[in-house]
Amino acid sequence: MEQADYPYAQTKLAQLKADYQVDILADWGDDGGNWRPGSWIKAELDRLENAICLMAGVMGGNEGFVRNLGGVTVRKADIGHHAGEALSHRVSFSTKRTFSAWTVVHEFGHAWDANHGWRLSRLLEKYTGGFTSPPLSLLKRLLRLSDSGVFNSEKKPGRYGRRAGCNQAGYFYGDRPSGSNWNFNRVEDFAESVAMYIGWERGNDLSDHAHKRITRYQLQNLVEDPLFHVIDNWTDYASCFYPENGDYTKTKRWQFVDDLLNGKLKIPG
């Protein structure tokens, strides 16, 4: 954070706290007469606020956001190769690189799930016809019925572990998600489904990312996708991920998030 941006930053922190019960752990400020810039920049505070505003918008406003997440503390930290991490009431972003609006909503989606004891992702799994079975997944991999290695992703075309049950968690994802890989599980599925719902065809900061997650399955095999710059057999995977007429609102995941936000689903106790 530049010293000249200090007043702006402090005002933004107070606003996030007042509007959304989001506390930012500032790592910038005066340090014995010397300015400590920390790891944040002004643009990231704006990006964070804008993404939270999008999330609050689908939750019926600020009160709905606070009710669903119960207050969140945000910090920057060394979290390895991850862009972000989240638990109940806590979100961390990497100090090694900046974060996107998609990452903000994804991680706050995790925090929402965690605030309800991770029951939302279990509810999504059931709603979409999925289940988790590590033994069945291992058997599938041992019998070479998986598009991955036995114990890891081979990270080459057709071997990223994208198909149902071909992941580390043994997650058989049911209806078509917007994507999957070796690290996919119901918790990641929920966070990605929330981000897809907020971004799909709404003309906001998440929309381009959401669109490219779907349209990559219209690419030919062995072509690099423009979103993650990965070469894969996209045509072959279209039957697993490309929704009816390319419309994500036709998926059970979109409907699940819509039902959840509109109070049509009972969250298990």
C-alpha atoms as a PDB file:
ATOM      1  CA  MET A   1       0.000   0.000   0.000  1.00  0.00           C
ATOM      2  CA  GLU A   2       1.364   3.385  -0.945  1.00  0.00           C
ATOM      3  CA  GLN A   3       1.545   5.895   1.894  1.00  0.00           C
ATOM      4  CA  ALA A   4      -0.519   8.358  -0.142  1.00  0.00           C
ATOM      5  CA  ASP A   5      -3.320   5.746  -0.263  1.00  0.00           C
ATOM      6  CA  TYR A   6      -3.470   5.338   3.521  1.00  0.00           C
ATOM      7  CA  PRO A   7      -6.529   7.566   4.148  1.00  0.00           C
ATOM      8  CA  TYR A   8      -8.422   5.879   1.305  1.00  0.00           C
ATOM      9  CA  ALA A   9      -7.506   2.429   2.606  1.00  0.00           C
ATOM     10  CA  GLN A  10      -8.593   3.190   6.166  1.00  0.00           C
ATOM     11  CA  THR A  11     -11.924   4.509   4.927  1.00  0.00           C
ATOM     12  CA  LYS A  12     -12.405   1.373   2.820  1.00  0.00           C
ATOM     13  CA  LEU A  13     -11.636  -0.904   5.782  1.00  0.00           C
ATOM     14  CA  ALA A  14     -14.180   0.904   7.944  1.00  0.00           C
ATOM     15  CA  GLN A  15     -16.782   0.638   5.168  1.00  0.00           C
ATOM     16  CA  LEU A  16     -16.235  -3.108   4.686  1.00  0.00           C
ATOM     17  CA  LYS A  17     -16.609  -3.631   8.424  1.00  0.00           C
ATOM     18  CA  ALA A  18     -19.759  -1.525   8.672  1.00  0.00           C
ATOM     19  CA  ASP A  19     -21.469  -2.890   5.562  1.00  0.00           C
ATOM     20  CA  TYR A  20     -20.463  -6.553   5.544  1.00  0.00           C
ATOM     21  CA  GLN A  21     -18.789  -7.379   8.877  1.00  0.00           C
ATOM     22  CA  VAL A  22     -15.583  -8.028   6.915  1.00  0.00           C
ATOM     23  CA  ASP A  23     -12.390  -7.181   8.823  1.00  0.00           C
ATOM     24  CA  ILE A  24      -9.183  -6.682   6.851  1.00  0.00           C
ATOM     25  CA  LEU A  25      -5.970  -7.363   8.761  1.00  0.00           C
ATOM     26  CA  ALA A  26      -3.892  -4.446   7.491  1.00  0.00           C
ATOM     27  CA  ASP A  27      -0.188  -5.182   7.141  1.00  0.00           C
ATOM     28  CA  TRP A  28       0.628  -1.623   6.111  1.00  0.00           C
ATOM     29  CA  GLY A  29       1.170   1.548   8.143  1.00  0.00           C
ATOM     30  CA  ASP A  30       3.665   3.632  10.081  1.00  0.00           C
ATOM     31  CA  ASP A  31       6.527   1.656  11.597  1.00  0.00           C
ATOM     32  CA  GLY A  32       8.546   3.856  13.912  1.00  0.00           C
ATOM     33  CA  GLY A  33       8.496   6.751  11.494  1.00  0.00           C
ATOM     34  CA  ASN A  34       9.045   4.579   8.420  1.00  0.00           C
ATOM     35  CA  TRP A  35       6.287   3.555   6.071  1.00  0.00           C
ATOM     36  CA  ARG A  36       5.593  -0.189   5.937  1.00  0.00           C
ATOM     37  CA  PRO A  37       3.860  -0.887   2.592  1.00  0.00           C
ATOM     38  CA  GLY A  38       2.770  -4.437   3.414  1.00  0.00           C
ATOM     39  CA  SER A  39       1.434  -6.733   0.696  1.00  0.00           C
ATOM     40  CA  TRP A  40      -1.846  -5.026  -0.256  1.00  0.00           C
ATOM     41  CA  ILE A  41      -2.449  -2.442  -2.966  1.00  0.00           C
ATOM     42  CA  LYS A  42      -5.319   0.017  -3.301  1.00  0.00           C
ATOM     43  CA  ALA A  43      -6.813  -1.750  -6.338  1.00  0.00           C
ATOM     44  CA  GLU A  44      -7.152  -4.986  -4.363  1.00  0.00           C
ATOM     45  CA  LEU A  45      -9.336  -3.313  -1.742  1.00  0.00           C
ATOM     46  CA  ASP A  46     -11.614  -2.073  -4.517  1.00  0.00           C
ATOM     47  CA  ARG A  47     -11.658  -5.513  -6.163  1.00  0.00           C
ATOM     48  CA  LEU A  48     -12.472  -7.166  -2.852  1.00  0.00           C
ATOM     49  CA  GLU A  49     -15.308  -4.768  -2.111  1.00  0.00           C
ATOM     50  CA  ASN A  50     -16.779  -5.066  -5.601  1.00  0.00           C
ATOM     51  CA  ALA A  51     -16.763  -8.887  -5.450  1.00  0.00           C
ATOM     52  CA  ILE A  52     -18.344  -8.899  -1.981  1.00  0.00           C
ATOM     53  CA  CYS A  53     -20.983  -6.485  -3.282  1.00  0.00           C
ATOM     54  CA  LEU A  54     -21.812  -8.934  -6.098  1.00  0.00           C
ATOM     55  CA  MET A  55     -22.171 -11.730  -3.580  1.00  0.00           C
ATOM     56  CA  ALA A  56     -24.334  -9.624  -1.273  1.00  0.00           C
ATOM     57  CA  GLY A  57     -26.477  -8.696  -4.254  1.00  0.00           C
ATOM     58  CA  VAL A  58     -27.622 -12.263  -4.843  1.00  0.00           C
ATOM     59  CA  MET A  59     -28.104 -12.771  -1.108  1.00  0.00           C
ATOM     60  CA  GLY A  60     -30.684 -10.022  -0.840  1.00  0.00           C
ATOM     61  CA  GLY A  61     -28.341  -7.303   0.386  1.00  0.00           C
ATOM     62  CA  ASN A  62     -25.849  -6.639   3.155  1.00  0.00           C
ATOM     63  CA  GLU A  63     -27.943  -8.215   5.897  1.00  0.00           C
ATOM     64  CA  GLY A  64     -28.268 -11.449   3.952  1.00  0.00           C
ATOM     65  CA  PHE A  65     -24.519 -11.559   3.368  1.00  0.00           C
ATOM     66  CA  VAL A  66     -23.789 -11.049   7.071  1.00  0.00           C
ATOM     67  CA  ARG A  67     -26.382 -13.646   8.037  1.00  0.00           C
ATOM     68  CA  ASN A  68     -24.949 -16.240   5.668  1.00  0.00           C
ATOM     69  CA  LEU A  69     -21.274 -15.721   6.473  1.00  0.00           C
ATOM     70  CA  GLY A  70     -21.444 -14.475  10.050  1.00  0.00           C
ATOM     71  CA  GLY A  71     -18.517 -12.073   9.752  1.00  0.00           C
ATOM     72  CA  VAL A  72     -15.200 -12.721   8.028  1.00  0.00           C
ATOM     73  CA  THR A  73     -11.612 -11.725   8.781  1.00  0.00           C
ATOM     74  CA  VAL A  74      -9.439 -11.328   5.675  1.00  0.00           C
ATOM     75  CA  ARG A  75      -5.656 -11.411   5.591  1.00  0.00           C
ATOM     76  CA  LYS A  76      -2.786 -11.926   3.218  1.00  0.00           C
ATOM     77  CA  ALA A  77      -0.371 -14.734   4.033  1.00  0.00           C
ATOM     78  CA  ASP A  78       2.111 -17.205   2.591  1.00  0.00           C
ATOM     79  CA  ILE A  79      -0.252 -20.055   1.742  1.00  0.00           C
ATOM     80  CA  GLY A  80       1.987 -21.956  -0.644  1.00  0.00           C
ATOM     81  CA  HIS A  81       0.860 -22.286  -4.245  1.00  0.00           C
ATOM     82  CA  HIS A  82      -2.806 -21.546  -3.455  1.00  0.00           C
ATOM     83  CA  ALA A  83      -4.367 -18.245  -4.509  1.00  0.00           C
ATOM     84  CA  GLY A  84      -6.664 -18.341  -1.496  1.00  0.00           C
ATOM     85  CA  GLU A  85      -7.842 -20.408   1.436  1.00  0.00           C
ATOM     86  CA  ALA A  86     -10.894 -20.200   3.654  1.00  0.00           C
ATOM     87  CA  LEU A  87     -12.404 -21.546   6.849  1.00  0.00           C
ATOM     88  CA  SER A  88     -15.347 -20.401   8.919  1.00  0.00           C
ATOM     89  CA  HIS A  89     -15.078 -16.620   9.422  1.00  0.00           C
ATOM     90  CA  ARG A  90     -11.620 -16.461   7.825  1.00  0.00           C
ATOM     91  CA  VAL A  91     -10.313 -15.909   4.301  1.00  0.00           C
ATOM     92  CA  SER A  92      -6.642 -15.755   3.311  1.00  0.00           C
ATOM     93  CA  PHE A  93      -5.162 -14.540   0.039  1.00  0.00           C
ATOM     94  CA  SER A  94      -1.655 -15.251  -1.158  1.00  0.00           C
ATOM     95  CA  THR A  95       1.101 -12.689  -0.647  1.00  0.00           C
ATOM     96  CA  LYS A  96       2.848 -14.098  -3.720  1.00  0.00           C
ATOM     97  CA  ARG A  97       0.410 -12.719  -6.280  1.00  0.00           C
ATOM     98  CA  THR A  98      -2.707 -10.634  -6.578  1.00  0.00           C
ATOM     99  CA  PHE A  99      -6.188 -12.131  -6.488  1.00  0.00           C
ATOM    100  CA  SER A 100      -9.089 -11.948  -8.934  1.00  0.00           C
ATOM    101  CA  ALA A 101     -12.758 -11.217  -8.329  1.00  0.00           C
ATOM    102  CA  TRP A 102     -13.380 -14.910  -9.046  1.00  0.00           C
ATOM    103  CA  THR A 103     -10.990 -15.923  -6.270  1.00  0.00           C
ATOM    104  CA  VAL A 104     -12.741 -13.589  -3.819  1.00  0.00           C
ATOM    105  CA  VAL A 105     -16.176 -15.075  -4.481  1.00  0.00           C
ATOM    106  CA  HIS A 106     -14.780 -18.626  -4.536  1.00  0.00           C
ATOM    107  CA  GLU A 107     -13.104 -18.223  -1.140  1.00  0.00           C
ATOM    108  CA  PHE A 108     -16.060 -16.417   0.397  1.00  0.00           C
ATOM    109  CA  GLY A 109     -18.179 -19.284  -0.935  1.00  0.00           C
ATOM    110  CA  HIS A 110     -16.016 -21.625   1.132  1.00  0.00           C
ATOM    111  CA  ALA A 111     -16.471 -19.360   4.157  1.00  0.00           C
ATOM    112  CA  TRP A 112     -20.246 -19.486   3.661  1.00  0.00           C
ATOM    113  CA  ASP A 113     -20.132 -23.276   3.514  1.00  0.00           C
ATOM    114  CA  ALA A 114     -17.830 -23.465   6.533  1.00  0.00           C
ATOM    115  CA  ASN A 115     -20.114 -21.186   8.548  1.00  0.00           C
ATOM    116  CA  HIS A 116     -22.749 -23.885   8.152  1.00  0.00           C
ATOM    117  CA  GLY A 117     -20.446 -26.742   9.099  1.00  0.00           C
ATOM    118  CA  TRP A 118     -19.716 -27.628   5.449  1.00  0.00           C
ATOM    119  CA  ARG A 119     -23.307 -28.829   5.148  1.00  0.00           C
ATOM    120  CA  LEU A 120     -24.015 -26.703   2.076  1.00  0.00           C
ATOM    121  CA  SER A 121     -21.528 -28.635  -0.047  1.00  0.00           C
ATOM    122  CA  ARG A 122     -23.005 -31.910   1.203  1.00  0.00           C
ATOM    123  CA  LEU A 123     -26.434 -30.636   0.231  1.00  0.00           C
ATOM    124  CA  LEU A 124     -25.133 -29.716  -3.231  1.00  0.00           C
ATOM    125  CA  GLU A 125     -23.654 -33.185  -3.624  1.00  0.00           C
ATOM    126  CA  LYS A 126     -27.012 -34.792  -2.846  1.00  0.00           C
ATOM    127  CA  TYR A 127     -29.035 -32.307  -4.934  1.00  0.00           C
ATOM    128  CA  THR A 128     -26.946 -32.898  -8.048  1.00  0.00           C
ATOM    129  CA  GLY A 129     -26.972 -36.682  -7.748  1.00  0.00           C
ATOM    130  CA  GLY A 130     -23.368 -37.048  -6.670  1.00  0.00           C
ATOM    131  CA  PHE A 131     -21.613 -39.058  -3.958  1.00  0.00           C
ATOM    132  CA  THR A 132     -18.148 -39.534  -2.516  1.00  0.00           C
ATOM    133  CA  SER A 133     -16.542 -42.979  -2.379  1.00  0.00           C
ATOM    134  CA  PRO A 134     -12.735 -43.188  -2.131  1.00  0.00           C
ATOM    135  CA  PRO A 135     -12.767 -47.038  -2.331  1.00  0.00           C
ATOM    136  CA  LEU A 136     -14.838 -47.057  -5.525  1.00  0.00           C
ATOM    137  CA  SER A 137     -12.663 -44.327  -6.998  1.00  0.00           C
ATOM    138  CA  LEU A 138      -9.493 -46.268  -6.200  1.00  0.00           C
ATOM    139  CA  LEU A 139     -10.950 -49.402  -7.769  1.00  0.00           C
ATOM    140  CA  LYS A 140     -11.815 -47.411 -10.887  1.00  0.00           C
ATOM    141  CA  ARG A 141      -8.247 -46.142 -11.101  1.00  0.00           C
ATOM    142  CA  LEU A 142      -6.700 -49.562 -10.453  1.00  0.00           C
ATOM    143  CA  LEU A 143      -8.819 -51.030 -13.248  1.00  0.00           C
ATOM    144  CA  ARG A 144      -7.567 -48.240 -15.534  1.00  0.00           C
ATOM    145  CA  LEU A 145     -11.059 -46.877 -16.003  1.00  0.00           C
ATOM    146  CA  SER A 146      -9.942 -43.433 -14.886  1.00  0.00           C
ATOM    147  CA  ASP A 147      -8.625 -40.469 -16.867  1.00  0.00           C
ATOM    148  CA  SER A 148      -5.848 -40.022 -14.286  1.00  0.00           C
ATOM    149  CA  GLY A 149      -2.988 -41.969 -12.817  1.00  0.00           C
ATOM    150  CA  VAL A 150      -3.641 -44.304  -9.902  1.00  0.00           C
ATOM    151  CA  PHE A 151      -2.428 -41.873  -7.247  1.00  0.00           C
ATOM    152  CA  ASN A 152      -2.144 -38.535  -9.035  1.00  0.00           C
ATOM    153  CA  SER A 153      -2.975 -36.480 -12.067  1.00  0.00           C
ATOM    154  CA  GLU A 154      -0.624 -37.128 -14.933  1.00  0.00           C
ATOM    155  CA  LYS A 155      -1.082 -33.519 -16.117  1.00  0.00           C
ATOM    156  CA  LYS A 156      -1.249 -34.270 -19.801  1.00  0.00           C
ATOM    157  CA  PRO A 157      -4.149 -34.290 -22.285  1.00  0.00           C
ATOM    158  CA  GLY A 158      -6.845 -36.732 -21.284  1.00  0.00           C
ATOM    159  CA  ARG A 159      -5.187 -37.512 -17.940  1.00  0.00           C
ATOM    160  CA  TYR A 160      -6.061 -34.620 -15.595  1.00  0.00           C
ATOM    161  CA  GLY A 161      -8.652 -36.624 -13.652  1.00  0.00           C
ATOM    162  CA  ARG A 162     -11.673 -34.703 -14.909  1.00  0.00           C
ATOM    163  CA  ARG A 163     -14.254 -37.466 -15.117  1.00  0.00           C
ATOM    164  CA  ALA A 164     -16.557 -38.321 -12.214  1.00  0.00           C
ATOM    165  CA  GLY A 165     -14.791 -40.287  -9.481  1.00  0.00           C
ATOM    166  CA  CYS A 166     -11.370 -39.853 -11.092  1.00  0.00           C
ATOM    167  CA  ASN A 167     -10.068 -37.459  -8.450  1.00  0.00           C
ATOM    168  CA  GLN A 168      -8.164 -37.566  -5.189  1.00  0.00           C
ATOM    169  CA  ALA A 169     -11.320 -37.257  -3.073  1.00  0.00           C
ATOM    170  CA  GLY A 170     -13.237 -40.029  -4.816  1.00  0.00           C
ATOM    171  CA  TYR A 171     -15.939 -37.506  -5.704  1.00  0.00           C
ATOM    172  CA  PHE A 172     -18.515 -38.656  -8.247  1.00  0.00           C
ATOM    173  CA  TYR A 173     -20.050 -35.306  -9.109  1.00  0.00           C
ATOM    174  CA  GLY A 174     -23.416 -36.262 -10.627  1.00  0.00           C
ATOM    175  CA  ASP A 175     -24.889 -33.602 -12.933  1.00  0.00           C
ATOM    176  CA  ARG A 176     -22.517 -31.548 -15.095  1.00  0.00           C
ATOM    177  CA  PRO A 177     -20.285 -29.107 -13.231  1.00  0.00           C
ATOM    178  CA  SER A 178     -18.445 -26.314 -15.067  1.00  0.00           C
ATOM    179  CA  GLY A 179     -15.186 -28.222 -14.676  1.00  0.00           C
ATOM    180  CA  SER A 180     -13.260 -30.777 -12.659  1.00  0.00           C
ATOM    181  CA  ASN A 181      -9.734 -32.050 -12.081  1.00  0.00           C
ATOM    182  CA  TRP A 182      -7.696 -34.173  -9.689  1.00  0.00           C
ATOM    183  CA  ASN A 183      -8.308 -31.741  -6.788  1.00  0.00           C
ATOM    184  CA  PHE A 184     -12.088 -31.520  -7.265  1.00  0.00           C
ATOM    185  CA  ASN A 185     -14.379 -32.443  -4.384  1.00  0.00           C
ATOM    186  CA  ARG A 186     -17.797 -31.373  -3.098  1.00  0.00           C
ATOM    187  CA  VAL A 187     -16.343 -28.420  -1.175  1.00  0.00           C
ATOM    188  CA  GLU A 188     -14.608 -27.054  -4.278  1.00  0.00           C
ATOM    189  CA  ASP A 189     -17.731 -27.843  -6.277  1.00  0.00           C
ATOM    190  CA  PHE A 190     -19.860 -25.671  -3.999  1.00  0.00           C
ATOM    191  CA  ALA A 191     -17.471 -22.708  -4.144  1.00  0.00           C
ATOM    192  CA  GLU A 192     -17.189 -22.919  -7.934  1.00  0.00           C
ATOM    193  CA  SER A 193     -20.959 -23.281  -8.289  1.00  0.00           C
ATOM    194  CA  VAL A 194     -21.523 -20.109  -6.266  1.00  0.00           C
ATOM    195  CA  ALA A 195     -19.030 -18.206  -8.423  1.00  0.00           C
ATOM    196  CA  MET A 196     -20.596 -19.572 -11.623  1.00  0.00           C
ATOM    197  CA  TYR A 197     -24.068 -18.559 -10.463  1.00  0.00           C
ATOM    198  CA  ILE A 198     -22.955 -15.023  -9.673  1.00  0.00           C
ATOM    199  CA  GLY A 199     -20.957 -14.657 -12.874  1.00  0.00           C
ATOM    200  CA  TRP A 200     -23.103 -16.401 -15.468  1.00  0.00           C
ATOM    201  CA  GLU A 201     -24.526 -13.939 -18.021  1.00  0.00           C
ATOM    202  CA  ARG A 202     -24.665 -11.050 -15.548  1.00  0.00           C
ATOM    203  CA  GLY A 203     -22.112  -8.762 -17.178  1.00  0.00           C
ATOM    204  CA  ASN A 204     -19.976  -8.408 -14.053  1.00  0.00           C
ATOM    205  CA  ASP A 205     -16.345  -8.999 -13.079  1.00  0.00           C
ATOM    206  CA  LEU A 206     -16.894 -12.778 -12.955  1.00  0.00           C
ATOM    207  CA  SER A 207     -18.798 -13.157 -16.208  1.00  0.00           C
ATOM    208  CA  ASP A 208     -15.905 -13.526 -18.634  1.00  0.00           C
ATOM    209  CA  HIS A 209     -14.334 -16.228 -16.473  1.00  0.00           C
ATOM    210  CA  ALA A 210     -17.668 -18.042 -16.139  1.00  0.00           C
ATOM    211  CA  HIS A 211     -18.259 -17.896 -19.890  1.00  0.00           C
ATOM    212  CA  LYS A 212     -14.812 -19.265 -20.719  1.00  0.00           C
ATOM    213  CA  ARG A 213     -15.231 -22.140 -18.276  1.00  0.00           C
ATOM    214  CA  ILE A 214     -18.121 -23.350 -20.426  1.00  0.00           C
ATOM    215  CA  THR A 215     -17.002 -22.441 -23.948  1.00  0.00           C
ATOM    216  CA  ARG A 216     -13.684 -24.296 -23.608  1.00  0.00           C
ATOM    217  CA  TYR A 217     -15.651 -27.509 -24.191  1.00  0.00           C
ATOM    218  CA  GLN A 218     -16.418 -26.269 -27.688  1.00  0.00           C
ATOM    219  CA  LEU A 219     -12.708 -26.311 -28.500  1.00  0.00           C
ATOM    220  CA  GLN A 220     -11.102 -29.071 -30.501  1.00  0.00           C
ATOM    221  CA  ASN A 221      -8.930 -31.658 -28.779  1.00  0.00           C
ATOM    222  CA  LEU A 222      -5.308 -30.734 -28.078  1.00  0.00           C
ATOM    223  CA  VAL A 223      -6.000 -26.988 -28.169  1.00  0.00           C
ATOM    224  CA  GLU A 224      -4.905 -24.616 -25.395  1.00  0.00           C
ATOM    225  CA  ASP A 225      -7.869 -23.077 -23.601  1.00  0.00           C
ATOM    226  CA  PRO A 226      -7.793 -19.270 -23.193  1.00  0.00           C
ATOM    227  CA  LEU A 227      -8.649 -19.317 -19.481  1.00  0.00           C
ATOM    228  CA  PHE A 228      -6.153 -21.643 -17.791  1.00  0.00           C
ATOM    229  CA  HIS A 229      -3.841 -22.130 -20.800  1.00  0.00           C
ATOM    230  CA  VAL A 230      -4.134 -25.899 -20.535  1.00  0.00           C
ATOM    231  CA  ILE A 231      -4.055 -28.257 -23.503  1.00  0.00           C
ATOM    232  CA  ASP A 232      -6.612 -31.038 -23.164  1.00  0.00           C
ATOM    233  CA  ASN A 233      -9.147 -33.148 -25.059  1.00  0.00           C
ATOM    234  CA  TRP A 234     -11.944 -30.605 -24.783  1.00  0.00           C
ATOM    235  CA  THR A 235     -14.212 -32.180 -27.397  1.00  0.00           C
ATOM    236  CA  ASP A 236     -14.089 -35.510 -25.581  1.00  0.00           C
ATOM    237  CA  TYR A 237     -15.057 -33.840 -22.299  1.00  0.00           C
ATOM    238  CA  ALA A 238     -18.001 -31.881 -23.665  1.00  0.00           C
ATOM    239  CA  SER A 239     -20.424 -34.657 -22.696  1.00  0.00           C
ATOM    240  CA  CYS A 240     -19.263 -34.345 -19.067  1.00  0.00           C
ATOM    241  CA  PHE A 241     -19.350 -30.566 -18.695  1.00  0.00           C
ATOM    242  CA  TYR A 242     -21.011 -28.667 -21.545  1.00  0.00           C
ATOM    243  CA  PRO A 243     -24.593 -27.807 -20.497  1.00  0.00           C
ATOM    244  CA  GLU A 244     -27.705 -28.037 -22.626  1.00  0.00           C
ATOM    245  CA  ASN A 245     -27.404 -25.482 -25.431  1.00  0.00           C
ATOM    246  CA  GLY A 246     -24.403 -24.030 -23.626  1.00  0.00           C
ATOM    247  CA  ASP A 247     -26.726 -22.523 -21.013  1.00  0.00           C
ATOM    248  CA  TYR A 248     -25.416 -22.923 -17.487  1.00  0.00           C
ATOM    249  CA  THR A 249     -28.837 -22.043 -16.031  1.00  0.00           C
ATOM    250  CA  LYS A 250     -30.004 -25.440 -17.303  1.00  0.00           C
ATOM    251  CA  THR A 251     -27.709 -27.241 -14.848  1.00  0.00           C
ATOM    252  CA  LYS A 252     -28.677 -28.601 -11.456  1.00  0.00           C
ATOM    253  CA  ARG A 253     -25.852 -26.579  -9.915  1.00  0.00           C
ATOM    254  CA  TRP A 254     -27.292 -23.272 -11.053  1.00  0.00           C
ATOM    255  CA  GLN A 255     -30.712 -24.356  -9.823  1.00  0.00           C
ATOM    256  CA  PHE A 256     -29.273 -25.497  -6.496  1.00  0.00           C
ATOM    257  CA  VAL A 257     -27.656 -22.141  -5.753  1.00  0.00           C
ATOM    258  CA  ASP A 258     -30.814 -20.338  -6.866  1.00  0.00           C
ATOM    259  CA  ASP A 259     -32.968 -22.499  -4.595  1.00  0.00           C
ATOM    260  CA  LEU A 260     -30.529 -22.066  -1.714  1.00  0.00           C
ATOM    261  CA  LEU A 261     -30.512 -18.285  -2.030  1.00  0.00           C
ATOM    262  CA  ASN A 262     -34.295 -18.149  -2.283  1.00  0.00           C
ATOM    263  CA  GLY A 263     -34.869 -20.216   0.836  1.00  0.00           C
ATOM    264  CA  LYS A 264     -36.287 -23.234  -0.976  1.00  0.00           C
ATOM    265  CA  LEU A 265     -33.846 -25.704   0.582  1.00  0.00           C
ATOM    266  CA  LYS A 266     -33.659 -26.842   4.174  1.00  0.00           C
ATOM    267  CA  ILE A 267     -30.088 -26.842   5.459  1.00  0.00           C
ATOM    268  CA  PRO A 268     -29.516 -30.002   7.532  1.00  0.00           C
ATOM    269  CA  GLY A 269     -28.887 -29.422  11.232  1.00  0.00           C
END
